[in-house]
Amino acid sequence: MLFFSFFKTLVDQEVVVELKNDLEIRGTLKSVDQYLNLKLDNITCNNGDKYPYLQATKNLFIRGSTVRYVHMNPNLVDCTLLQDASRREAMVQASK
């Protein structure tokens, strides 16, 4: 749940999603669900010559299991909030 909560804070921010097939897609994160599926708006593809059918696509749904990395602006990450949430989740796991 930690990553789901973290990605919810990035909604309406610009991200680059790198897929397992080496495709990189830049777009505005519109939503994320508990399976870390992503919905992006205003997408652009870094290698459009290899994937010409993505040139006409503006909105995209990405299944969470196909994502390798999500790159974001480091200024958007609230490290103290993330550290506190990590500690809380570790405490819950330790008490089980």
C-alpha atoms as a PDB file:
ATOM      1  CA  MET A   1       0.000   0.000   0.000  1.00  0.00           C
ATOM      2  CA  LEU A   2       2.984   2.301   0.429  1.00  0.00           C
ATOM      3  CA  PHE A   3       3.686   2.652  -3.283  1.00  0.00           C
ATOM      4  CA  PHE A   4      -0.009   3.014  -4.075  1.00  0.00           C
ATOM      5  CA  SER A   5      -0.270   5.891  -1.589  1.00  0.00           C
ATOM      6  CA  PHE A   6       2.924   7.435  -2.942  1.00  0.00           C
ATOM      7  CA  PHE A   7       1.764   7.337  -6.565  1.00  0.00           C
ATOM      8  CA  LYS A   8      -1.589   8.857  -5.560  1.00  0.00           C
ATOM      9  CA  THR A   9       0.372  11.980  -4.536  1.00  0.00           C
ATOM     10  CA  LEU A  10       1.811  12.188  -8.087  1.00  0.00           C
ATOM     11  CA  VAL A  11      -1.566  12.479  -9.847  1.00  0.00           C
ATOM     12  CA  ASP A  12      -1.588  15.341 -12.392  1.00  0.00           C
ATOM     13  CA  GLN A  13       2.223  15.389 -12.508  1.00  0.00           C
ATOM     14  CA  GLU A  14       4.460  14.635 -15.498  1.00  0.00           C
ATOM     15  CA  VAL A  15       6.142  11.209 -15.330  1.00  0.00           C
ATOM     16  CA  VAL A  16       8.123   8.952 -17.651  1.00  0.00           C
ATOM     17  CA  VAL A  17       7.125   5.295 -17.536  1.00  0.00           C
ATOM     18  CA  GLU A  18       9.674   2.768 -18.759  1.00  0.00           C
ATOM     19  CA  LEU A  19       8.120  -0.552 -19.725  1.00  0.00           C
ATOM     20  CA  LYS A  20       9.751  -3.958 -19.624  1.00  0.00           C
ATOM     21  CA  ASN A  21       9.995  -3.940 -23.436  1.00  0.00           C
ATOM     22  CA  ASP A  22      12.250  -0.803 -23.239  1.00  0.00           C
ATOM     23  CA  LEU A  23       9.503   1.555 -24.398  1.00  0.00           C
ATOM     24  CA  GLU A  24       9.519   4.918 -22.582  1.00  0.00           C
ATOM     25  CA  ILE A  25       6.306   6.923 -22.449  1.00  0.00           C
ATOM     26  CA  ARG A  26       6.095  10.468 -21.087  1.00  0.00           C
ATOM     27  CA  GLY A  27       2.742  11.792 -19.950  1.00  0.00           C
ATOM     28  CA  THR A  28       0.604  13.268 -17.213  1.00  0.00           C
ATOM     29  CA  LEU A  29      -0.383  10.727 -14.560  1.00  0.00           C
ATOM     30  CA  LYS A  30      -4.171  10.782 -14.264  1.00  0.00           C
ATOM     31  CA  SER A  31      -4.838   7.832 -11.986  1.00  0.00           C
ATOM     32  CA  VAL A  32      -3.321   4.813 -10.296  1.00  0.00           C
ATOM     33  CA  ASP A  33      -5.039   1.822  -8.699  1.00  0.00           C
ATOM     34  CA  GLN A  34      -4.082  -0.743  -6.065  1.00  0.00           C
ATOM     35  CA  TYR A  35      -2.438  -2.944  -8.731  1.00  0.00           C
ATOM     36  CA  LEU A  36      -0.273   0.039  -9.767  1.00  0.00           C
ATOM     37  CA  ASN A  37      -2.009   0.236 -13.136  1.00  0.00           C
ATOM     38  CA  LEU A  38      -1.450   3.722 -14.540  1.00  0.00           C
ATOM     39  CA  LYS A  39      -3.542   6.017 -16.716  1.00  0.00           C
ATOM     40  CA  LEU A  40      -1.611   8.696 -18.620  1.00  0.00           C
ATOM     41  CA  ASP A  41      -2.844  11.695 -20.627  1.00  0.00           C
ATOM     42  CA  ASN A  42      -1.017  13.729 -23.303  1.00  0.00           C
ATOM     43  CA  ILE A  43       1.506  10.988 -23.953  1.00  0.00           C
ATOM     44  CA  THR A  44       4.605  11.096 -26.128  1.00  0.00           C
ATOM     45  CA  CYS A  45       6.864   8.203 -27.013  1.00  0.00           C
ATOM     46  CA  ASN A  46      10.653   8.558 -26.970  1.00  0.00           C
ATOM     47  CA  ASN A  47      11.196   6.309 -29.991  1.00  0.00           C
ATOM     48  CA  GLY A  48       8.222   7.105 -32.191  1.00  0.00           C
ATOM     49  CA  ASP A  49       9.882   5.738 -35.326  1.00  0.00           C
ATOM     50  CA  LYS A  50       9.840   2.238 -33.810  1.00  0.00           C
ATOM     51  CA  TYR A  51       6.247   2.592 -32.538  1.00  0.00           C
ATOM     52  CA  PRO A  52       4.471   4.819 -35.110  1.00  0.00           C
ATOM     53  CA  TYR A  53       0.992   3.808 -33.920  1.00  0.00           C
ATOM     54  CA  LEU A  54       1.639   5.613 -30.629  1.00  0.00           C
ATOM     55  CA  GLN A  55       1.962   8.961 -32.443  1.00  0.00           C
ATOM     56  CA  ALA A  56      -1.823   9.293 -32.697  1.00  0.00           C
ATOM     57  CA  THR A  57      -2.515   8.100 -29.153  1.00  0.00           C
ATOM     58  CA  LYS A  58      -3.154  10.758 -26.506  1.00  0.00           C
ATOM     59  CA  ASN A  59      -4.429   8.701 -23.544  1.00  0.00           C
ATOM     60  CA  LEU A  60      -3.044   5.400 -22.368  1.00  0.00           C
ATOM     61  CA  PHE A  61      -3.692   2.690 -19.800  1.00  0.00           C
ATOM     62  CA  ILE A  62      -0.600   0.810 -18.625  1.00  0.00           C
ATOM     63  CA  ARG A  63      -0.910  -2.444 -16.745  1.00  0.00           C
ATOM     64  CA  GLY A  64       1.195  -2.373 -13.584  1.00  0.00           C
ATOM     65  CA  SER A  65       2.897  -5.701 -14.283  1.00  0.00           C
ATOM     66  CA  THR A  66       4.478  -4.291 -17.479  1.00  0.00           C
ATOM     67  CA  VAL A  67       6.165  -1.334 -15.760  1.00  0.00           C
ATOM     68  CA  ARG A  68       9.905  -1.460 -15.136  1.00  0.00           C
ATOM     69  CA  TYR A  69      10.522   2.093 -13.831  1.00  0.00           C
ATOM     70  CA  VAL A  70       8.596   5.283 -13.220  1.00  0.00           C
ATOM     71  CA  HIS A  71      10.803   8.354 -13.532  1.00  0.00           C
ATOM     72  CA  MET A  72       9.617  11.579 -11.922  1.00  0.00           C
ATOM     73  CA  ASN A  73      10.881  15.000 -10.949  1.00  0.00           C
ATOM     74  CA  PRO A  74      12.814  14.624  -7.654  1.00  0.00           C
ATOM     75  CA  ASN A  75      11.314  17.893  -6.412  1.00  0.00           C
ATOM     76  CA  LEU A  76       7.878  16.223  -6.368  1.00  0.00           C
ATOM     77  CA  VAL A  77       8.951  13.608  -3.812  1.00  0.00           C
ATOM     78  CA  ASP A  78       8.330  14.474  -0.168  1.00  0.00           C
ATOM     79  CA  CYS A  79      11.095  12.369   1.403  1.00  0.00           C
ATOM     80  CA  THR A  80      10.081  12.963   5.023  1.00  0.00           C
ATOM     81  CA  LEU A  81       6.508  11.874   4.337  1.00  0.00           C
ATOM     82  CA  LEU A  82       7.778   8.794   2.504  1.00  0.00           C
ATOM     83  CA  GLN A  83      10.161   7.888   5.341  1.00  0.00           C
ATOM     84  CA  ASP A  84       7.426   8.263   7.960  1.00  0.00           C
ATOM     85  CA  ALA A  85       5.060   6.091   5.948  1.00  0.00           C
ATOM     86  CA  SER A  86       7.795   3.460   5.549  1.00  0.00           C
ATOM     87  CA  ARG A  87       8.388   3.399   9.293  1.00  0.00           C
ATOM     88  CA  ARG A  88       4.678   3.060  10.035  1.00  0.00           C
ATOM     89  CA  GLU A  89       4.302   0.196   7.575  1.00  0.00           C
ATOM     90  CA  ALA A  90       7.375  -1.554   9.013  1.00  0.00           C
ATOM     91  CA  MET A  91       5.912  -1.252  12.517  1.00  0.00           C
ATOM     92  CA  VAL A  92       2.644  -2.793  11.359  1.00  0.00           C
ATOM     93  CA  GLN A  93       4.476  -5.669   9.660  1.00  0.00           C
ATOM     94  CA  ALA A  94       6.651  -6.268  12.734  1.00  0.00           C
ATOM     95  CA  SER A  95       3.630  -6.467  15.034  1.00  0.00           C
ATOM     96  CA  LYS A  96       1.982  -9.236  12.973  1.00  0.00           C
END
